[in-house]
Each structure stands twice: as C-alpha cells, then as structure tokens.
Amino acid sequence: MQTIPANSQPGFSGNSIELVFDEYVQVKDLNNQLIITPSLKEMPQIEAKGKKIYIKIDEPLKKNTTYRFFFGNAISDMH
C-alpha cells in the first residue's frame, strides 16, 4: 500500500489523504470499525474509488500531533 502524503510525514498540514492499493477495494461499516486517535470532532469523509481510498478531513489538525487511523475490518478487496 502507498499513502499520499507519505506515511509518517512530519509537518503534514493538509486536509486530504489517499491510500493506494494493488487491488480494487471497498469500505464498509466505518461507523463501527474506524478508530482515529486522537479523536476528531467531525468524522472525515471517506470514499473508495477503484484502487484508492480518499480521506478528506474537515477540521484543522493539531500541530506536533500524530494522528492514527485504524480501519479494523472496514477495508476489503472486491473479491
């Protein structure tokens, strides 16, 4: 898997992230599966298209803070 911006990039201040996979993927049950730490006030917009997952964050991220997105079983391939 590839991430845009690169995983663990210091000083990230954008509001969108792309996850790129080798296979076509889908997302399901995000409300129960997705855990973000530290938590965000608003749930990000997450959409799967082909081999990519797009994450749009609608609030500013805190400086000097590492955010972790744990998807649990929410991401699966199309087969």
PDB file of N, CA and C in Angstrom:
ATOM      1  N   MET A   1       0.846  -1.176   0.000  1.00  0.00           N
ATOM      2  CA  MET A   1       0.000   0.000   0.000  1.00  0.00           C
ATOM      3  C   MET A   1       0.892   1.241   0.000  1.00  0.00           C
ATOM      4  N   GLN A   2       0.453   2.241  -0.679  1.00  0.00           N
ATOM      5  CA  GLN A   2       1.138   3.532  -0.739  1.00  0.00           C
ATOM      6  C   GLN A   2       0.202   4.585  -0.163  1.00  0.00           C
ATOM      7  N   THR A   3       0.767   5.592   0.492  1.00  0.00           N
ATOM      8  CA  THR A   3      -0.045   6.689   1.003  1.00  0.00           C
ATOM      9  C   THR A   3       0.458   8.002   0.424  1.00  0.00           C
ATOM     10  N   ILE A   4      -0.487   8.897   0.173  1.00  0.00           N
ATOM     11  CA  ILE A   4      -0.174  10.244  -0.305  1.00  0.00           C
ATOM     12  C   ILE A   4      -0.882  11.215   0.634  1.00  0.00           C
ATOM     13  N   PRO A   5      -0.164  11.982   1.431  1.00  0.00           N
ATOM     14  CA  PRO A   5       1.284  12.098   1.550  1.00  0.00           C
ATOM     15  C   PRO A   5       1.879  10.829   2.156  1.00  0.00           C
ATOM     16  N   ALA A   6       3.195  10.717   2.125  1.00  0.00           N
ATOM     17  CA  ALA A   6       3.877   9.536   2.634  1.00  0.00           C
ATOM     18  C   ALA A   6       3.527   9.297   4.099  1.00  0.00           C
ATOM     19  N   ASN A   7       3.432   8.021   4.469  1.00  0.00           N
ATOM     20  CA  ASN A   7       3.133   7.641   5.840  1.00  0.00           C
ATOM     21  C   ASN A   7       4.171   8.245   6.785  1.00  0.00           C
ATOM     22  N   SER A   8       3.738   8.737   7.915  1.00  0.00           N
ATOM     23  CA  SER A   8       4.597   9.330   8.954  1.00  0.00           C
ATOM     24  C   SER A   8       5.292  10.604   8.497  1.00  0.00           C
ATOM     25  N   GLN A   9       4.716  11.307   7.549  1.00  0.00           N
ATOM     26  CA  GLN A   9       5.317  12.561   7.087  1.00  0.00           C
ATOM     27  C   GLN A   9       5.201  13.620   8.178  1.00  0.00           C
ATOM     28  N   PRO A  10       6.323  14.167   8.614  1.00  0.00           N
ATOM     29  CA  PRO A  10       6.241  15.208   9.644  1.00  0.00           C
ATOM     30  C   PRO A  10       5.729  16.521   9.060  1.00  0.00           C
ATOM     31  N   GLY A  11       5.025  17.268   9.880  1.00  0.00           N
ATOM     32  CA  GLY A  11       4.566  18.594   9.486  1.00  0.00           C
ATOM     33  C   GLY A  11       3.425  18.616   8.490  1.00  0.00           C
ATOM     34  N   PHE A  12       2.681  17.526   8.352  1.00  0.00           N
ATOM     35  CA  PHE A  12       1.549  17.494   7.423  1.00  0.00           C
ATOM     36  C   PHE A  12       0.477  18.464   7.897  1.00  0.00           C
ATOM     37  N   SER A  13       0.048  19.344   7.017  1.00  0.00           N
ATOM     38  CA  SER A  13      -0.985  20.319   7.391  1.00  0.00           C
ATOM     39  C   SER A  13      -2.135  20.338   6.390  1.00  0.00           C
ATOM     40  N   GLY A  14      -2.173  19.355   5.505  1.00  0.00           N
ATOM     41  CA  GLY A  14      -3.233  19.305   4.504  1.00  0.00           C
ATOM     42  C   GLY A  14      -4.540  18.798   5.077  1.00  0.00           C
ATOM     43  N   ASN A  15      -5.482  18.568   4.188  1.00  0.00           N
ATOM     44  CA  ASN A  15      -6.774  18.050   4.644  1.00  0.00           C
ATOM     45  C   ASN A  15      -7.218  16.830   3.853  1.00  0.00           C
ATOM     46  N   SER A  16      -6.332  16.265   3.004  1.00  0.00           N
ATOM     47  CA  SER A  16      -6.719  15.073   2.262  1.00  0.00           C
ATOM     48  C   SER A  16      -5.577  14.063   2.237  1.00  0.00           C
ATOM     49  N   ILE A  17      -5.965  12.799   2.272  1.00  0.00           N
ATOM     50  CA  ILE A  17      -5.037  11.674   2.272  1.00  0.00           C
ATOM     51  C   ILE A  17      -5.552  10.660   1.259  1.00  0.00           C
ATOM     52  N   GLU A  18      -4.644  10.041   0.526  1.00  0.00           N
ATOM     53  CA  GLU A  18      -5.002   8.958  -0.391  1.00  0.00           C
ATOM     54  C   GLU A  18      -4.288   7.694   0.043  1.00  0.00           C
ATOM     55  N   LEU A  19      -5.024   6.589   0.057  1.00  0.00           N
ATOM     56  CA  LEU A  19      -4.447   5.267   0.274  1.00  0.00           C
ATOM     57  C   LEU A  19      -4.542   4.538  -1.052  1.00  0.00           C
ATOM     58  N   VAL A  20      -3.426   4.045  -1.565  1.00  0.00           N
ATOM     59  CA  VAL A  20      -3.394   3.395  -2.874  1.00  0.00           C
ATOM     60  C   VAL A  20      -3.061   1.914  -2.674  1.00  0.00           C
ATOM     61  N   PHE A  21      -3.908   1.039  -3.214  1.00  0.00           N
ATOM     62  CA  PHE A  21      -3.755  -0.406  -3.059  1.00  0.00           C
ATOM     63  C   PHE A  21      -3.435  -1.064  -4.404  1.00  0.00           C
ATOM     64  N   ASP A  22      -3.016  -2.325  -4.350  1.00  0.00           N
ATOM     65  CA  ASP A  22      -2.735  -3.100  -5.555  1.00  0.00           C
ATOM     66  C   ASP A  22      -4.006  -3.680  -6.170  1.00  0.00           C
ATOM     67  N   GLU A  23      -5.063  -3.764  -5.385  1.00  0.00           N
ATOM     68  CA  GLU A  23      -6.325  -4.351  -5.840  1.00  0.00           C
ATOM     69  C   GLU A  23      -7.463  -3.351  -5.640  1.00  0.00           C
ATOM     70  N   TYR A  24      -8.575  -3.616  -6.297  1.00  0.00           N
ATOM     71  CA  TYR A  24      -9.765  -2.797  -6.101  1.00  0.00           C
ATOM     72  C   TYR A  24     -10.288  -3.030  -4.680  1.00  0.00           C
ATOM     73  N   VAL A  25     -10.655  -1.950  -4.001  1.00  0.00           N
ATOM     74  CA  VAL A  25     -11.074  -2.054  -2.605  1.00  0.00           C
ATOM     75  C   VAL A  25     -12.440  -1.402  -2.391  1.00  0.00           C
ATOM     76  N   GLN A  26     -13.028  -1.750  -1.260  1.00  0.00           N
ATOM     77  CA  GLN A  26     -14.279  -1.134  -0.838  1.00  0.00           C
ATOM     78  C   GLN A  26     -14.200  -0.870   0.660  1.00  0.00           C
ATOM     79  N   VAL A  27     -14.992   0.074   1.138  1.00  0.00           N
ATOM     80  CA  VAL A  27     -15.063   0.344   2.571  1.00  0.00           C
ATOM     81  C   VAL A  27     -16.466   0.035   3.050  1.00  0.00           C
ATOM     82  N   LYS A  28     -16.562  -0.460   4.272  1.00  0.00           N
ATOM     83  CA  LYS A  28     -17.867  -0.811   4.830  1.00  0.00           C
ATOM     84  C   LYS A  28     -17.834  -0.646   6.344  1.00  0.00           C
ATOM     85  N   ASP A  29     -18.946  -0.324   6.913  1.00  0.00           N
ATOM     86  CA  ASP A  29     -19.140  -0.252   8.357  1.00  0.00           C
ATOM     87  C   ASP A  29     -18.133   0.674   9.044  1.00  0.00           C
ATOM     88  N   LEU A  30     -17.844   1.818   8.433  1.00  0.00           N
ATOM     89  CA  LEU A  30     -16.873   2.753   9.011  1.00  0.00           C
ATOM     90  C   LEU A  30     -17.276   3.250  10.391  1.00  0.00           C
ATOM     91  N   ASN A  31     -18.566   3.449  10.620  1.00  0.00           N
ATOM     92  CA  ASN A  31     -19.019   3.975  11.909  1.00  0.00           C
ATOM     93  C   ASN A  31     -18.628   3.061  13.070  1.00  0.00           C
ATOM     94  N   ASN A  32     -18.578   1.758  12.820  1.00  0.00           N
ATOM     95  CA  ASN A  32     -18.224   0.810  13.874  1.00  0.00           C
ATOM     96  C   ASN A  32     -16.769   0.373  13.830  1.00  0.00           C
ATOM     97  N   GLN A  33     -16.123   0.471  12.680  1.00  0.00           N
ATOM     98  CA  GLN A  33     -14.773  -0.055  12.522  1.00  0.00           C
ATOM     99  C   GLN A  33     -13.671   0.995  12.658  1.00  0.00           C
ATOM    100  N   LEU A  34     -13.901   2.197  12.188  1.00  0.00           N
ATOM    101  CA  LEU A  34     -12.862   3.217  12.138  1.00  0.00           C
ATOM    102  C   LEU A  34     -12.616   3.840  13.509  1.00  0.00           C
ATOM    103  N   ILE A  35     -11.345   3.827  13.922  1.00  0.00           N
ATOM    104  CA  ILE A  35     -10.925   4.487  15.154  1.00  0.00           C
ATOM    105  C   ILE A  35      -9.825   5.468  14.786  1.00  0.00           C
ATOM    106  N   ILE A  36      -9.987   6.717  15.194  1.00  0.00           N
ATOM    107  CA  ILE A  36      -8.995   7.753  14.935  1.00  0.00           C
ATOM    108  C   ILE A  36      -8.502   8.267  16.283  1.00  0.00           C
ATOM    109  N   THR A  37      -7.178   8.271  16.451  1.00  0.00           N
ATOM    110  CA  THR A  37      -6.603   8.803  17.691  1.00  0.00           C
ATOM    111  C   THR A  37      -5.541   9.825  17.354  1.00  0.00           C
ATOM    112  N   PRO A  38      -5.512  10.962  18.039  1.00  0.00           N
ATOM    113  CA  PRO A  38      -6.588  11.435  18.910  1.00  0.00           C
ATOM    114  C   PRO A  38      -7.856  11.667  18.096  1.00  0.00           C
ATOM    115  N   SER A  39      -8.980  11.628  18.750  1.00  0.00           N
ATOM    116  CA  SER A  39     -10.255  11.721  18.035  1.00  0.00           C
ATOM    117  C   SER A  39     -10.438  13.097  17.406  1.00  0.00           C
ATOM    118  N   LEU A  40     -11.223  13.102  16.349  1.00  0.00           N
ATOM    119  CA  LEU A  40     -11.587  14.333  15.648  1.00  0.00           C
ATOM    120  C   LEU A  40     -13.021  14.699  16.024  1.00  0.00           C
ATOM    121  N   LYS A  41     -13.355  15.968  15.978  1.00  0.00           N
ATOM    122  CA  LYS A  41     -14.723  16.406  16.285  1.00  0.00           C
ATOM    123  C   LYS A  41     -15.701  15.920  15.228  1.00  0.00           C
ATOM    124  N   GLU A  42     -15.256  15.946  13.954  1.00  0.00           N
ATOM    125  CA  GLU A  42     -16.106  15.533  12.841  1.00  0.00           C
ATOM    126  C   GLU A  42     -15.511  14.305  12.162  1.00  0.00           C
ATOM    127  N   MET A  43     -16.369  13.396  11.762  1.00  0.00           N
ATOM    128  CA  MET A  43     -15.924  12.218  11.027  1.00  0.00           C
ATOM    129  C   MET A  43     -15.408  12.651   9.650  1.00  0.00           C
ATOM    130  N   PRO A  44     -14.217  12.225   9.257  1.00  0.00           N
ATOM    131  CA  PRO A  44     -13.721  12.585   7.925  1.00  0.00           C
ATOM    132  C   PRO A  44     -14.598  11.963   6.841  1.00  0.00           C
ATOM    133  N   GLN A  45     -14.583  12.549   5.673  1.00  0.00           N
ATOM    134  CA  GLN A  45     -15.273  11.975   4.522  1.00  0.00           C
ATOM    135  C   GLN A  45     -14.345  10.920   3.926  1.00  0.00           C
ATOM    136  N   ILE A  46     -14.821   9.689   3.815  1.00  0.00           N
ATOM    137  CA  ILE A  46     -14.005   8.597   3.314  1.00  0.00           C
ATOM    138  C   ILE A  46     -14.747   7.930   2.176  1.00  0.00           C
ATOM    139  N   GLU A  47     -14.045   7.772   1.049  1.00  0.00           N
ATOM    140  CA  GLU A  47     -14.664   7.232  -0.153  1.00  0.00           C
ATOM    141  C   GLU A  47     -13.670   6.324  -0.864  1.00  0.00           C
ATOM    142  N   ALA A  48     -14.148   5.157  -1.286  1.00  0.00           N
ATOM    143  CA  ALA A  48     -13.329   4.240  -2.070  1.00  0.00           C
ATOM    144  C   ALA A  48     -13.694   4.378  -3.537  1.00  0.00           C
ATOM    145  N   LYS A  49     -12.656   4.495  -4.381  1.00  0.00           N
ATOM    146  CA  LYS A  49     -12.841   4.553  -5.832  1.00  0.00           C
ATOM    147  C   LYS A  49     -11.742   3.715  -6.465  1.00  0.00           C
ATOM    148  N   GLY A  50     -12.118   2.589  -7.032  1.00  0.00           N
ATOM    149  CA  GLY A  50     -11.146   1.732  -7.689  1.00  0.00           C
ATOM    150  C   GLY A  50     -10.135   1.186  -6.701  1.00  0.00           C
ATOM    151  N   LYS A  51      -8.874   1.497  -6.920  1.00  0.00           N
ATOM    152  CA  LYS A  51      -7.790   1.011  -6.070  1.00  0.00           C
ATOM    153  C   LYS A  51      -7.356   2.035  -5.038  1.00  0.00           C
ATOM    154  N   LYS A  52      -8.164   3.074  -4.829  1.00  0.00           N
ATOM    155  CA  LYS A  52      -7.796   4.138  -3.903  1.00  0.00           C
ATOM    156  C   LYS A  52      -8.902   4.398  -2.883  1.00  0.00           C
ATOM    157  N   ILE A  53      -8.464   4.846  -1.715  1.00  0.00           N
ATOM    158  CA  ILE A  53      -9.384   5.349  -0.702  1.00  0.00           C
ATOM    159  C   ILE A  53      -8.993   6.790  -0.448  1.00  0.00           C
ATOM    160  N   TYR A  54      -9.970   7.674  -0.529  1.00  0.00           N
ATOM    161  CA  TYR A  54      -9.757   9.102  -0.330  1.00  0.00           C
ATOM    162  C   TYR A  54     -10.304   9.494   1.032  1.00  0.00           C
ATOM    163  N   ILE A  55      -9.495  10.201   1.802  1.00  0.00           N
ATOM    164  CA  ILE A  55      -9.898  10.678   3.123  1.00  0.00           C
ATOM    165  C   ILE A  55      -9.816  12.196   3.114  1.00  0.00           C
ATOM    166  N   LYS A  56     -10.928  12.859   3.407  1.00  0.00           N
ATOM    167  CA  LYS A  56     -10.948  14.328   3.475  1.00  0.00           C
ATOM    168  C   LYS A  56     -11.292  14.726   4.900  1.00  0.00           C
ATOM    169  N   ILE A  57     -10.393  15.469   5.513  1.00  0.00           N
ATOM    170  CA  ILE A  57     -10.556  15.898   6.898  1.00  0.00           C
ATOM    171  C   ILE A  57     -11.083  17.331   6.893  1.00  0.00           C
ATOM    172  N   ASP A  58     -12.210  17.542   7.559  1.00  0.00           N
ATOM    173  CA  ASP A  58     -12.897  18.830   7.505  1.00  0.00           C
ATOM    174  C   ASP A  58     -12.565  19.768   8.661  1.00  0.00           C
ATOM    175  N   GLU A  59     -11.535  19.483   9.413  1.00  0.00           N
ATOM    176  CA  GLU A  59     -11.154  20.365  10.511  1.00  0.00           C
ATOM    177  C   GLU A  59      -9.628  20.460  10.566  1.00  0.00           C
ATOM    178  N   PRO A  60      -9.117  21.536  11.124  1.00  0.00           N
ATOM    179  CA  PRO A  60      -7.655  21.670  11.200  1.00  0.00           C
ATOM    180  C   PRO A  60      -7.064  20.630  12.147  1.00  0.00           C
ATOM    181  N   LEU A  61      -5.908  20.102  11.784  1.00  0.00           N
ATOM    182  CA  LEU A  61      -5.214  19.151  12.640  1.00  0.00           C
ATOM    183  C   LEU A  61      -4.312  19.909  13.611  1.00  0.00           C
ATOM    184  N   LYS A  62      -4.137  19.345  14.801  1.00  0.00           N
ATOM    185  CA  LYS A  62      -3.285  19.969  15.804  1.00  0.00           C
ATOM    186  C   LYS A  62      -1.820  19.824  15.402  1.00  0.00           C
ATOM    187  N   LYS A  63      -1.038  20.864  15.628  1.00  0.00           N
ATOM    188  CA  LYS A  63       0.397  20.819  15.348  1.00  0.00           C
ATOM    189  C   LYS A  63       1.083  19.868  16.321  1.00  0.00           C
ATOM    190  N   ASN A  64       2.193  19.294  15.857  1.00  0.00           N
ATOM    191  CA  ASN A  64       3.021  18.401  16.684  1.00  0.00           C
ATOM    192  C   ASN A  64       2.222  17.240  17.265  1.00  0.00           C
ATOM    193  N   THR A  65       1.255  16.752  16.496  1.00  0.00           N
ATOM    194  CA  THR A  65       0.400  15.654  16.939  1.00  0.00           C
ATOM    195  C   THR A  65       0.394  14.564  15.874  1.00  0.00           C
ATOM    196  N   THR A  66       0.556  13.324  16.306  1.00  0.00           N
ATOM    197  CA  THR A  66       0.485  12.190  15.398  1.00  0.00           C
ATOM    198  C   THR A  66      -0.927  11.619  15.450  1.00  0.00           C
ATOM    199  N   TYR A  67      -1.582  11.581  14.300  1.00  0.00           N
ATOM    200  CA  TYR A  67      -2.916  11.000  14.187  1.00  0.00           C
ATOM    201  C   TYR A  67      -2.795   9.587  13.616  1.00  0.00           C
ATOM    202  N   ARG A  68      -3.574   8.682  14.163  1.00  0.00           N
ATOM    203  CA  ARG A  68      -3.583   7.294  13.684  1.00  0.00           C
ATOM    204  C   ARG A  68      -5.007   6.933  13.272  1.00  0.00           C
ATOM    205  N   PHE A  69      -5.098   6.330  12.090  1.00  0.00           N
ATOM    206  CA  PHE A  69      -6.373   5.855  11.561  1.00  0.00           C
ATOM    207  C   PHE A  69      -6.329   4.332  11.574  1.00  0.00           C
ATOM    208  N   PHE A  70      -7.170   3.712  12.371  1.00  0.00           N
ATOM    209  CA  PHE A  70      -7.258   2.253  12.430  1.00  0.00           C
ATOM    210  C   PHE A  70      -8.596   1.854  11.822  1.00  0.00           C
ATOM    211  N   PHE A  71      -8.532   1.154  10.690  1.00  0.00           N
ATOM    212  CA  PHE A  71      -9.744   0.820   9.942  1.00  0.00           C
ATOM    213  C   PHE A  71     -10.374  -0.502  10.348  1.00  0.00           C
ATOM    214  N   GLY A  72      -9.729  -1.278  11.204  1.00  0.00           N
ATOM    215  CA  GLY A  72     -10.291  -2.566  11.595  1.00  0.00           C
ATOM    216  C   GLY A  72     -10.562  -3.412  10.358  1.00  0.00           C
ATOM    217  N   ASN A  73     -11.800  -3.876  10.204  1.00  0.00           N
ATOM    218  CA  ASN A  73     -12.208  -4.684   9.046  1.00  0.00           C
ATOM    219  C   ASN A  73     -12.983  -3.878   8.025  1.00  0.00           C
ATOM    220  N   ALA A  74     -12.843  -2.551   8.038  1.00  0.00           N
ATOM    221  CA  ALA A  74     -13.638  -1.695   7.160  1.00  0.00           C
ATOM    222  C   ALA A  74     -13.161  -1.711   5.715  1.00  0.00           C
ATOM    223  N   ILE A  75     -11.911  -2.092   5.461  1.00  0.00           N
ATOM    224  CA  ILE A  75     -11.384  -2.118   4.093  1.00  0.00           C
ATOM    225  C   ILE A  75     -11.265  -3.567   3.643  1.00  0.00           C
ATOM    226  N   SER A  76     -11.829  -3.866   2.481  1.00  0.00           N
ATOM    227  CA  SER A  76     -11.702  -5.204   1.915  1.00  0.00           C
ATOM    228  C   SER A  76     -11.557  -5.110   0.417  1.00  0.00           C
ATOM    229  N   ASP A  77     -10.963  -6.163  -0.167  1.00  0.00           N
ATOM    230  CA  ASP A  77     -10.838  -6.161  -1.631  1.00  0.00           C
ATOM    231  C   ASP A  77     -12.181  -6.558  -2.227  1.00  0.00           C
ATOM    232  N   MET A  78     -12.310  -6.368  -3.507  1.00  0.00           N
ATOM    233  CA  MET A  78     -13.601  -6.571  -4.188  1.00  0.00           C
ATOM    234  C   MET A  78     -13.917  -8.049  -4.454  1.00  0.00           C
ATOM    235  N   HIS A  79     -13.022  -8.942  -4.119  1.00  0.00           N
ATOM    236  CA  HIS A  79     -13.263 -10.365  -4.420  1.00  0.00           C
ATOM    237  C   HIS A  79     -13.757 -11.087  -3.212  1.00  0.00           C
TER     238      HIS A  79
END
